[in-house]
Amino acid sequence: MKEIAIAGSIAFVLGLVLTPILIPLLQKLKFGQVIREDGPQGHFKKAGTPTMGGLAFIAAYLLTALIFLPGHMEYLPVLLVSLLCGLIGFADDFLEIVKKQNEGLKPMQKFLLQIAVAALFLLYRFLAVKDPTLILLPGGGSWNMPFWLYIPLFFIMFAGTDNGVNLNDGLDGLCASVTLVVAMFLTFLSRKYGGGLEILTTAVAGALLGYLIFNTYPARLFMGDTGSLALGGFVAAAFITLRQPLLILIAGFVYLAESVSVIIQRYYFKATHGKRFFRMTPIHHHFELGGWSEPRVVIVFTVVCFWTCVLAYLLA
């Protein structure tokens, strides 16, 4: 526990130090956020706020993880998956800045790159992990899934989680707050099952806590897809490593709600020839347009995430 506490503290201090250093650098490079034209009107005042701020907390938990890596090689695959997903987000953010519009990589390009990272992670698990298709079931018990079922579930869970976390990044402090709770849940889950991820999960939580000081409303910088996709890769890879892919449906309920709201909106819009089921999606915008302030949405979503994580831990 002492080592875990030290890792979280180091990551927090690094996040606290690196984030304000990064802000003026991003401003100098003119790496400002491009606001989507069909987004909430109140968000246009955020145009130009430095983006790609995820580099700060990624650097914080990466440096922390490297300090402890010699004695904890078991979390290296999860760390590498997070970094690779962060690179996808970096490419997306960079292209948005160059194009000066709210579109970097095309959706299919981003999806295929995510699938490529997932395939590498799956290959590693089949080559290096005993019983790679064995999963733990919520409520107790385990299931050694057949390959034909495990493989599609693996890709759906990985891409769904990575994109769900990405969709959750839409309000000041929202994605960082929710994922901070999930990272702490993963710490307890890893301690319970001896997954060996505690150093990394606590480092992610600590780095996000330091970053949040500058990302809460009104945010001085945004994490961008660089940060949200890196966090999504981390969450997906951690749940898979702990053999709890189904538990993400409970602990990651907020991510699931964000994704499902987009799907419902899209198909309802097509089916009704232009009518909307929600005011706007992802669903955090629905509440925002309903009169909730950004801080209220963030607090409510974070509290919901906390209790779904408590429920998930009780079922684990």
Protein backbone atom coordinates (compact mmCIF):
# COMPACT_ATOMS: atom_id res chain seq x y z
CA MET A 1 0.00 0.00 0.00
CA LYS A 2 2.90 2.35 0.73
CA GLU A 3 4.27 1.89 -2.78
CA ILE A 4 0.83 2.54 -4.28
CA ALA A 5 0.42 5.73 -2.23
CA ILE A 6 3.86 6.95 -3.30
CA ALA A 7 3.07 6.28 -6.98
CA GLY A 8 -0.20 8.20 -6.76
CA SER A 9 1.50 11.10 -4.98
CA ILE A 10 4.32 11.31 -7.53
CA ALA A 11 1.84 11.28 -10.42
CA PHE A 12 -0.27 13.97 -8.72
CA VAL A 13 2.73 16.27 -8.24
CA LEU A 14 3.87 15.69 -11.83
CA GLY A 15 0.36 16.44 -13.13
CA LEU A 16 0.23 19.55 -10.97
CA VAL A 17 3.61 20.76 -12.27
CA LEU A 18 3.44 19.73 -15.93
CA THR A 19 -0.07 21.01 -16.70
CA PRO A 20 0.62 24.75 -16.09
CA ILE A 21 3.90 24.40 -17.98
CA LEU A 22 2.05 22.94 -20.96
CA ILE A 23 -0.67 25.64 -21.10
CA PRO A 24 1.51 28.55 -22.32
CA LEU A 25 3.36 26.21 -24.68
CA LEU A 26 0.10 25.15 -26.35
CA GLN A 27 -0.98 28.79 -26.51
CA LYS A 28 2.30 29.75 -28.17
CA LEU A 29 1.87 26.97 -30.73
CA LYS A 30 -1.74 28.13 -31.24
CA PHE A 31 -3.07 24.66 -30.47
CA GLY A 32 -6.54 25.98 -29.67
CA GLN A 33 -9.80 24.06 -29.49
CA VAL A 34 -12.08 24.21 -32.55
CA ILE A 35 -15.73 24.21 -31.42
CA ARG A 36 -18.26 22.17 -33.40
CA GLU A 37 -20.75 24.43 -35.17
CA ASP A 38 -23.75 22.34 -34.10
CA GLY A 39 -22.67 22.28 -30.45
CA PRO A 40 -24.20 24.21 -27.52
CA GLN A 41 -24.11 27.96 -28.13
CA GLY A 42 -22.46 28.56 -24.78
CA HIS A 43 -19.41 26.61 -25.90
CA PHE A 44 -18.36 29.08 -28.59
CA LYS A 45 -16.66 31.21 -25.94
CA LYS A 46 -14.30 28.26 -25.40
CA ALA A 47 -12.88 28.50 -28.92
CA GLY A 48 -9.13 28.87 -28.81
CA THR A 49 -8.72 27.30 -25.35
CA PRO A 50 -5.56 25.16 -25.52
CA THR A 51 -6.27 21.54 -26.42
CA MET A 52 -4.12 18.39 -26.35
CA GLY A 53 -3.78 18.98 -22.60
CA GLY A 54 -3.93 15.23 -22.16
CA LEU A 55 -0.20 15.28 -22.86
CA ALA A 56 0.29 16.58 -19.31
CA PHE A 57 -1.38 13.75 -17.43
CA ILE A 58 -0.11 11.15 -19.91
CA ALA A 59 3.43 12.33 -19.21
CA ALA A 60 2.71 12.32 -15.47
CA TYR A 61 1.50 8.74 -15.26
CA LEU A 62 4.03 7.54 -17.85
CA LEU A 63 6.97 8.93 -15.87
CA THR A 64 5.54 7.51 -12.64
CA ALA A 65 4.98 4.10 -14.22
CA LEU A 66 8.53 4.03 -15.56
CA ILE A 67 9.92 4.68 -12.07
CA PHE A 68 8.25 1.55 -10.72
CA LEU A 69 8.42 -0.53 -13.91
CA PRO A 70 11.46 -2.71 -13.01
CA GLY A 71 9.49 -4.39 -10.24
CA HIS A 72 6.08 -4.36 -11.93
CA MET A 73 6.40 -5.41 -15.56
CA GLU A 74 2.86 -6.83 -15.44
CA TYR A 75 1.27 -3.43 -16.13
CA LEU A 76 3.48 -2.64 -19.14
CA PRO A 77 0.98 -3.97 -21.77
CA VAL A 78 -1.80 -1.77 -20.37
CA LEU A 79 0.52 1.23 -20.35
CA LEU A 80 1.56 0.63 -23.98
CA VAL A 81 -2.07 0.28 -25.10
CA SER A 82 -2.89 3.60 -23.43
CA LEU A 83 0.05 5.31 -25.15
CA LEU A 84 -0.84 3.89 -28.57
CA CYS A 85 -4.44 5.05 -28.24
CA GLY A 86 -3.10 8.42 -27.14
CA LEU A 87 -1.07 8.59 -30.35
CA ILE A 88 -4.26 8.05 -32.36
CA GLY A 89 -5.84 10.92 -30.47
CA PHE A 90 -2.76 13.08 -30.99
CA ALA A 91 -2.99 12.56 -34.76
CA ASP A 92 -6.68 13.44 -34.67
CA ASP A 93 -6.10 16.60 -32.62
CA PHE A 94 -3.17 17.70 -34.74
CA LEU A 95 -5.15 17.36 -37.98
CA GLU A 96 -8.04 19.33 -36.45
CA ILE A 97 -5.67 22.15 -35.60
CA VAL A 98 -4.06 22.11 -39.05
CA LYS A 99 -7.44 22.04 -40.82
CA LYS A 100 -8.92 24.53 -38.30
CA GLN A 101 -12.15 22.56 -38.20
CA ASN A 102 -13.74 20.07 -35.82
CA GLU A 103 -12.65 16.99 -37.74
CA GLY A 104 -9.24 15.39 -37.82
CA LEU A 105 -9.03 11.73 -38.68
CA LYS A 106 -12.07 10.38 -40.48
CA PRO A 107 -14.24 8.19 -38.22
CA MET A 108 -13.34 5.02 -40.14
CA GLN A 109 -9.63 5.86 -39.99
CA LYS A 110 -9.82 6.35 -36.23
CA PHE A 111 -11.84 3.15 -35.80
CA LEU A 112 -9.41 1.04 -37.86
CA LEU A 113 -6.46 2.37 -35.88
CA GLN A 114 -8.23 1.47 -32.63
CA ILE A 115 -8.91 -2.02 -33.97
CA ALA A 116 -5.22 -2.34 -34.91
CA VAL A 117 -4.18 -1.49 -31.33
CA ALA A 118 -6.78 -3.93 -30.00
CA ALA A 119 -5.47 -6.65 -32.33
CA LEU A 120 -1.91 -6.16 -31.04
CA PHE A 121 -3.14 -6.38 -27.47
CA LEU A 122 -5.17 -9.50 -28.27
CA LEU A 123 -2.15 -11.11 -29.95
CA TYR A 124 -0.04 -10.40 -26.85
CA ARG A 125 -2.65 -12.00 -24.61
CA PHE A 126 -2.89 -15.14 -26.73
CA LEU A 127 0.91 -15.48 -26.83
CA ALA A 128 1.82 -14.53 -23.27
CA VAL A 129 -1.20 -15.07 -21.00
CA LYS A 130 -2.43 -18.41 -19.69
CA ASP A 131 -6.11 -19.07 -20.49
CA PRO A 132 -6.53 -15.74 -22.32
CA THR A 133 -10.26 -16.27 -22.93
CA LEU A 134 -11.06 -16.90 -19.26
CA ILE A 135 -13.25 -14.13 -17.85
CA LEU A 136 -14.66 -13.54 -14.39
CA LEU A 137 -18.42 -13.13 -14.19
CA PRO A 138 -20.19 -10.44 -12.15
CA GLY A 139 -21.60 -12.05 -9.04
CA GLY A 140 -18.97 -14.79 -8.94
CA GLY A 141 -17.78 -17.63 -11.10
CA SER A 142 -15.73 -17.71 -14.28
CA TRP A 143 -16.17 -18.74 -17.89
CA ASN A 144 -13.52 -19.92 -20.32
CA MET A 145 -15.19 -18.53 -23.40
CA PRO A 146 -14.80 -20.20 -26.79
CA PHE A 147 -12.54 -18.32 -29.19
CA TRP A 148 -15.33 -17.61 -31.67
CA LEU A 149 -17.24 -15.70 -28.98
CA TYR A 150 -14.37 -14.13 -27.05
CA ILE A 151 -12.68 -12.47 -30.04
CA PRO A 152 -15.67 -10.40 -31.25
CA LEU A 153 -16.54 -9.54 -27.62
CA PHE A 154 -12.94 -8.39 -27.12
CA PHE A 155 -13.02 -6.00 -30.08
CA ILE A 156 -16.50 -4.68 -29.27
CA MET A 157 -15.57 -4.06 -25.66
CA PHE A 158 -12.24 -2.42 -26.53
CA ALA A 159 -13.51 -0.09 -29.25
CA GLY A 160 -16.74 0.62 -27.38
CA THR A 161 -14.93 1.61 -24.21
CA ASP A 162 -12.30 3.71 -25.98
CA ASN A 163 -14.95 5.62 -27.90
CA GLY A 164 -17.25 5.84 -24.87
CA VAL A 165 -14.53 7.58 -22.87
CA ASN A 166 -13.86 9.83 -25.87
CA LEU A 167 -17.55 10.82 -26.06
CA ASN A 168 -17.54 11.55 -22.34
CA ASP A 169 -15.03 14.35 -22.96
CA GLY A 170 -17.37 17.23 -23.73
CA LEU A 171 -17.58 19.43 -20.63
CA ASP A 172 -14.96 21.04 -18.43
CA GLY A 173 -13.61 18.40 -16.07
CA LEU A 174 -16.16 15.72 -16.98
CA CYS A 175 -14.02 12.99 -18.52
CA ALA A 176 -11.16 13.50 -16.06
CA SER A 177 -13.51 13.35 -13.04
CA VAL A 178 -15.37 10.24 -14.20
CA THR A 179 -12.19 8.41 -15.21
CA LEU A 180 -10.51 9.35 -11.92
CA VAL A 181 -13.27 7.43 -10.15
CA VAL A 182 -12.94 4.48 -12.56
CA ALA A 183 -9.15 4.43 -12.09
CA MET A 184 -9.56 4.21 -8.31
CA PHE A 185 -12.14 1.45 -8.76
CA LEU A 186 -9.64 -0.45 -10.91
CA THR A 187 -7.06 -0.02 -8.15
CA PHE A 188 -9.33 -1.74 -5.63
CA LEU A 189 -10.29 -4.39 -8.18
CA SER A 190 -6.65 -5.15 -8.94
CA ARG A 191 -5.86 -5.39 -5.23
CA LYS A 192 -8.76 -7.81 -4.80
CA TYR A 193 -7.69 -10.15 -7.61
CA GLY A 194 -3.93 -9.61 -7.56
CA GLY A 195 -3.85 -8.18 -11.06
CA GLY A 196 -0.68 -6.16 -10.49
CA LEU A 197 -2.10 -2.98 -12.01
CA GLU A 198 -2.32 -0.97 -8.79
CA ILE A 199 0.74 1.18 -9.45
CA LEU A 200 -0.49 2.19 -12.91
CA THR A 201 -4.14 2.70 -11.96
CA THR A 202 -3.18 4.84 -8.97
CA ALA A 203 -0.72 6.79 -11.12
CA VAL A 204 -3.49 7.53 -13.63
CA ALA A 205 -5.77 8.68 -10.79
CA GLY A 206 -3.06 10.89 -9.29
CA ALA A 207 -2.14 12.43 -12.66
CA LEU A 208 -5.80 13.19 -13.39
CA LEU A 209 -6.24 14.80 -9.99
CA GLY A 210 -3.33 17.16 -10.64
CA TYR A 211 -4.65 17.91 -14.14
CA LEU A 212 -8.20 18.57 -12.90
CA ILE A 213 -7.08 21.61 -10.96
CA PHE A 214 -6.64 23.33 -14.33
CA ASN A 215 -9.43 21.53 -16.20
CA THR A 216 -12.41 22.21 -13.93
CA TYR A 217 -14.90 24.88 -14.99
CA PRO A 218 -13.88 27.25 -16.47
CA ALA A 219 -11.17 25.06 -17.96
CA ARG A 220 -7.79 26.56 -18.79
CA LEU A 221 -7.11 23.69 -21.21
CA PHE A 222 -8.82 20.64 -22.69
CA MET A 223 -7.46 17.11 -22.87
CA GLY A 224 -8.46 16.62 -26.52
CA ASP A 225 -8.65 13.20 -28.15
CA THR A 226 -5.00 12.82 -27.15
CA GLY A 227 -6.10 12.47 -23.55
CA SER A 228 -9.54 10.88 -23.90
CA LEU A 229 -8.45 8.09 -26.25
CA ALA A 230 -5.41 7.37 -24.06
CA LEU A 231 -7.72 7.09 -21.04
CA GLY A 232 -10.14 4.93 -23.01
CA GLY A 233 -7.35 2.56 -24.00
CA PHE A 234 -6.19 2.40 -20.40
CA VAL A 235 -9.69 1.60 -19.07
CA ALA A 236 -10.38 -1.06 -21.72
CA ALA A 237 -6.99 -2.76 -21.36
CA ALA A 238 -7.20 -2.73 -17.56
CA PHE A 239 -10.62 -4.40 -17.45
CA ILE A 240 -9.47 -7.01 -19.97
CA THR A 241 -6.25 -7.69 -18.03
CA LEU A 242 -8.26 -8.16 -14.84
CA ARG A 243 -10.53 -10.57 -16.78
CA GLN A 244 -13.58 -8.41 -16.06
CA PRO A 245 -14.76 -7.23 -19.52
CA LEU A 246 -18.44 -7.54 -18.56
CA LEU A 247 -17.98 -5.45 -15.43
CA ILE A 248 -17.30 -2.38 -17.58
CA LEU A 249 -21.04 -2.31 -18.33
CA ILE A 250 -21.64 -1.49 -14.66
CA ALA A 251 -18.55 0.44 -13.55
CA GLY A 252 -18.44 2.25 -16.90
CA PHE A 253 -22.17 2.97 -17.01
CA VAL A 254 -21.54 6.66 -17.72
CA TYR A 255 -19.41 5.78 -20.76
CA LEU A 256 -22.09 3.35 -21.90
CA ALA A 257 -24.83 5.98 -21.53
CA GLU A 258 -22.81 8.47 -23.59
CA SER A 259 -22.37 5.95 -26.41
CA VAL A 260 -25.93 4.61 -26.37
CA SER A 261 -27.37 8.13 -26.44
CA VAL A 262 -25.47 8.87 -29.65
CA ILE A 263 -26.66 5.63 -31.25
CA ILE A 264 -30.30 6.25 -30.26
CA GLN A 265 -30.16 9.82 -31.52
CA ARG A 266 -28.69 8.81 -34.86
CA TYR A 267 -31.18 6.06 -35.64
CA TYR A 268 -34.17 7.95 -34.26
CA PHE A 269 -33.22 10.95 -36.41
CA LYS A 270 -33.12 8.75 -39.51
CA ALA A 271 -36.31 6.86 -38.66
CA THR A 272 -38.34 10.01 -37.99
CA HIS A 273 -36.79 12.06 -40.83
CA GLY A 274 -35.24 14.76 -38.69
CA LYS A 275 -36.75 14.52 -35.20
CA ARG A 276 -34.48 14.24 -32.17
CA PHE A 277 -34.89 11.87 -29.23
CA PHE A 278 -32.50 13.92 -27.05
CA ARG A 279 -31.93 17.68 -27.15
CA MET A 280 -28.32 16.93 -28.12
CA THR A 281 -25.88 14.09 -27.76
CA PRO A 282 -23.70 12.81 -26.17
CA ILE A 283 -26.19 12.81 -23.32
CA HIS A 284 -24.30 15.28 -21.11
CA HIS A 285 -25.30 17.96 -23.66
CA HIS A 286 -28.95 16.91 -23.26
CA PHE A 287 -28.83 17.90 -19.60
CA GLU A 288 -26.79 21.01 -20.35
CA LEU A 289 -29.39 22.24 -22.84
CA GLY A 290 -32.06 21.38 -20.28
CA GLY A 291 -30.72 24.11 -18.03
CA TRP A 292 -28.08 22.31 -15.98
CA SER A 293 -24.79 24.16 -15.52
CA GLU A 294 -21.59 22.44 -16.59
CA PRO A 295 -20.41 21.95 -12.99
CA ARG A 296 -23.76 20.38 -12.07
CA VAL A 297 -23.58 17.90 -14.94
CA VAL A 298 -20.01 16.99 -14.00
CA ILE A 299 -20.90 16.48 -10.32
CA VAL A 300 -23.99 14.37 -11.08
CA PHE A 301 -22.21 12.20 -13.65
CA THR A 302 -19.25 11.70 -11.31
CA VAL A 303 -21.53 10.75 -8.40
CA VAL A 304 -23.40 8.29 -10.64
CA CYS A 305 -20.05 6.81 -11.69
CA PHE A 306 -18.99 6.48 -8.06
CA TRP A 307 -22.09 4.49 -7.13
CA THR A 308 -21.99 2.27 -10.21
CA CYS A 309 -18.36 1.50 -9.32
CA VAL A 310 -19.44 0.62 -5.77
CA LEU A 311 -22.09 -1.70 -7.20
CA ALA A 312 -19.57 -3.23 -9.61
CA TYR A 313 -17.12 -3.88 -6.76
CA LEU A 314 -19.84 -5.59 -4.70
CA LEU A 315 -20.61 -7.83 -7.67
CA ALA A 316 -16.97 -8.56 -8.54
